[in-house]
Amino acid sequence: MPTKTTLRAQVRSRRRVRRAENTTPKALLSPPVSRSPIPVRNRGEAEGIARQIRAVASSMGGISMPALFVPTPLEPDMSLAFDLFDRALLPILLDEAGTPLAATCWGVWEAGQALATLGRPPAQPAGIALGAESLGEADLIVIPALAASRDGSRLGQGGGWYDRALLHRAPTAQIAAVVFDDEVMENGEIATESHDIPVDSIITPRRTIVTDAR
């Protein structure tokens, strides 16, 4: 089994190649009216992710407050997922001066609202940063990952932000990790530690996999 460090390097390398090869030309990106605060990079990818998130939300009987994320350029295109909801919790990583926050904070995005980019991506809601406990309002928590496996294991970026944030989730909230299809791994292929919180499902542009942790 490769170490987490090795696996992260492998996934990041593949993502750089994928994004260089598979970004939709701007001339082909004249989308229908969208409320998304972020631009579409890859039309098919964005539509696939949105379709899967819509299906998960429908299977839950509807969502009152989702927690979403704004992807970095190398992550799966989440842009059209924002069209599914009137509002959502989004991570706030930087203060107004652009300095990283020590605590895990969230902001509320509402449809039609622009996001602020404070020096480096990802963009985040402007305004008041809510405390870590605000994640308890979310019934569906959609999070990024470098890889995820069918046993519910998730490989993150290594900073531990979501490990800390997810401690404040509601007991009934479902967690979905978003990855590319070739980043879905088999049981045991991702090393786990005691603080790791498993995900309930894995979302890719083509499918949703309910994990063994559900």
Foldseek 3Di string as FASTA:
>chain_A
DDALVVLLVVLVVVLVVCLVPAFDDPVPQPDDDAQFQDGFGHVLQQVLLLVAVVVVQVVVVHWDEEADEQDDSSFGGPRRNVRVDQKYKYWDQADQQRHGDPFTWIDMDGGNAHFDDNPHDDTHHDDDTHHLLVQQRTQEYEEEASAAEQQQFTRHPPPCSVLRSVVNYHPNHAYEYEHAPVRYDYPPPHDDDPSTDGGQWYGGSHDIHGHPVD
